[in-house]
Structure formats: C-alpha cells, structure tokens
Amino acid sequence: MSDHTAIEAVIQIYFESMFESNGAKARQAFHPNAKITGYNHQGLQEMDVETFASFVNTQQPSAKAKGDAPRLDVISIDIAGETAVARVRDDYLGLTFLDTLSFLKANDSWTIYNKLFHVET
C-alpha cells in the first residue's frame, strides 16, 4: 500500500470514529501523544487523545444512527518522508470543520500526530 493510500485509510478511520461515535476508532487513528486543538463557539479547545475519544463516545446517538449523510472531503495530502499533512473538511455535530491533520510514520504505520480544527459554520 502506498503512503498516500495508507494516510487516506487513517483519515477514513478518523472520520468513522466521529460519525459512529466510536472512541476506539479515534484511539486507532491518533498517535498516543497527539493533541487535538482548535476554536469553536466556546473558544480555544485543547484535548489529548483520551479526552477526545471519550468525547466522541458520548455523542449518542451517533450521526450514523441518526441517518445523517456522511461528509468527508480530503482536500490535500502532502507527504515529506516520514511526515505528512492533510487538510480535510467534514461535518460533525451539525457543524462543518476544516481540519489540518499532521501525520507521523512509525513502524511502517501512519497515525495522526496532531489535529488543528477550525469551525466553518
């Protein structure tokens, strides 16, 4: 599998974690030391992976269970050696997010090392 395809697969797992309210998938997509940071209507939000995974789990019923249409647009993926950056747009909790995901490749596996998010709507 190419690095590009492997990163796309991690992005899909990341999206599914939110769409399905599945914290285990969030833990799978993110490096254990990752940070999730950005601004929403409450101001600056900063989370570690466990906090984010727990938050994802609490969003019940999930968007999938409610029958919401999934939206994930991979805008770009830029790979530099064992690091990469992807920009994605997704709908979550009734909002549209523009996420900047940085990736790290370790032991032949890509994981999200950091997420910066911006709420567009």
Protein backbone atom coordinates (compact mmCIF):
# COMPACT_ATOMS: atom_id res chain seq x y z
CA MET A 1 0.00 0.00 0.00
CA SER A 2 1.36 3.43 -0.90
CA ASP A 3 1.87 6.05 1.80
CA HIS A 4 -0.86 8.18 0.23
CA THR A 5 -3.35 5.31 0.36
CA ALA A 6 -2.33 4.45 3.94
CA ILE A 7 -2.89 8.05 5.05
CA GLU A 8 -6.28 8.11 3.34
CA ALA A 9 -7.18 4.94 5.27
CA VAL A 10 -6.27 6.61 8.59
CA ILE A 11 -8.34 9.65 7.62
CA GLN A 12 -11.29 7.34 6.96
CA ILE A 13 -10.90 5.69 10.40
CA TYR A 14 -10.68 9.16 11.98
CA PHE A 15 -13.90 10.23 10.25
CA GLU A 16 -15.68 6.98 11.12
CA SER A 17 -14.76 7.47 14.79
CA MET A 18 -16.78 10.67 14.86
CA PHE A 19 -19.58 9.55 12.50
CA GLU A 20 -20.10 6.35 14.52
CA SER A 21 -19.34 7.88 17.97
CA ASN A 22 -16.61 5.25 18.30
CA GLY A 23 -13.81 6.23 20.68
CA ALA A 24 -11.86 3.05 19.92
CA LYS A 25 -11.51 4.16 16.30
CA ALA A 26 -10.32 7.59 17.48
CA ARG A 27 -7.61 5.88 19.54
CA GLN A 28 -6.69 3.81 16.47
CA ALA A 29 -6.32 6.85 14.21
CA PHE A 30 -4.31 9.03 16.60
CA HIS A 31 -0.80 8.64 17.98
CA PRO A 32 -1.00 8.25 21.79
CA ASN A 33 0.78 11.60 22.27
CA ALA A 34 -1.41 13.51 19.82
CA LYS A 35 -3.12 16.79 20.63
CA ILE A 36 -6.46 17.98 19.28
CA THR A 37 -6.65 21.78 19.28
CA GLY A 38 -8.82 24.46 17.74
CA TYR A 39 -11.51 27.04 18.15
CA ASN A 40 -15.25 26.52 18.40
CA HIS A 41 -18.10 28.67 19.74
CA GLN A 42 -16.76 28.12 23.28
CA GLY A 43 -13.28 29.41 22.41
CA LEU A 44 -9.97 27.55 22.35
CA GLN A 45 -10.29 23.80 22.89
CA GLU A 46 -7.30 21.59 23.71
CA MET A 47 -7.59 17.84 24.20
CA ASP A 48 -5.41 14.78 24.41
CA VAL A 49 -6.42 11.57 22.64
CA GLU A 50 -8.20 10.06 25.65
CA THR A 51 -10.28 13.19 26.21
CA PHE A 52 -11.18 13.34 22.51
CA ALA A 53 -12.03 9.61 22.36
CA SER A 54 -14.23 9.94 25.45
CA PHE A 55 -15.97 12.97 23.94
CA VAL A 56 -16.60 11.06 20.71
CA ASN A 57 -18.11 8.17 22.70
CA THR A 58 -20.59 10.46 24.44
CA GLN A 59 -22.14 11.78 21.23
CA GLN A 60 -25.18 9.49 21.28
CA PRO A 61 -26.99 8.65 19.17
CA SER A 62 -24.23 8.79 16.60
CA ALA A 63 -24.62 10.70 13.35
CA LYS A 64 -24.72 7.33 11.58
CA ALA A 65 -27.50 6.05 13.86
CA LYS A 66 -29.48 9.26 13.25
CA GLY A 67 -29.21 8.72 9.49
CA ASP A 68 -27.14 11.84 8.85
CA ALA A 69 -25.40 11.97 5.49
CA PRO A 70 -21.65 11.48 5.89
CA ARG A 71 -19.42 14.28 4.63
CA LEU A 72 -15.67 13.92 4.36
CA ASP A 73 -13.68 15.79 1.73
CA VAL A 74 -9.94 15.16 1.57
CA ILE A 75 -8.65 18.46 0.23
CA SER A 76 -4.94 17.68 0.17
CA ILE A 77 -2.27 15.30 1.38
CA ASP A 78 1.37 16.40 1.36
CA ILE A 79 3.97 13.77 2.26
CA ALA A 80 7.55 14.59 3.26
CA GLY A 81 9.47 11.45 4.19
CA GLU A 82 8.01 10.01 7.38
CA THR A 83 5.75 13.03 8.00
CA ALA A 84 2.67 14.31 6.23
CA VAL A 85 -0.04 16.95 6.44
CA ALA A 86 -3.63 16.55 5.26
CA ARG A 87 -6.45 19.09 5.05
CA VAL A 88 -9.93 17.66 5.35
CA ARG A 89 -13.41 19.13 5.56
CA ASP A 90 -16.03 17.17 7.46
CA ASP A 91 -19.40 17.61 9.06
CA TYR A 92 -19.70 16.76 12.74
CA LEU A 93 -22.28 17.71 15.38
CA GLY A 94 -24.13 19.90 12.89
CA LEU A 95 -21.01 21.93 12.08
CA THR A 96 -18.58 21.97 9.19
CA PHE A 97 -14.95 21.65 10.23
CA LEU A 98 -11.75 22.33 8.31
CA ASP A 99 -9.13 20.10 9.92
CA THR A 100 -5.38 20.18 9.48
CA LEU A 101 -4.04 16.75 10.38
CA SER A 102 -0.32 16.13 10.81
CA PHE A 103 0.87 12.57 10.46
CA LEU A 104 3.86 10.60 11.66
CA LYS A 105 5.01 7.27 10.26
CA ALA A 106 6.44 4.89 12.85
CA ASN A 107 6.97 1.15 12.49
CA ASP A 108 5.55 1.35 8.94
CA SER A 109 2.24 2.75 10.22
CA TRP A 110 0.82 6.24 9.81
CA THR A 111 -1.02 7.93 12.68
CA ILE A 112 -2.39 11.41 13.25
CA TYR A 113 0.08 13.21 15.49
CA ASN A 114 -1.83 16.49 15.79
CA LYS A 115 -5.17 17.91 14.75
CA LEU A 116 -5.90 21.60 14.36
CA PHE A 117 -9.54 22.35 13.72
CA HIS A 118 -11.46 25.37 12.51
CA VAL A 119 -15.26 25.59 12.57
CA GLU A 120 -16.52 26.98 9.26
CA THR A 121 -20.22 27.08 10.18
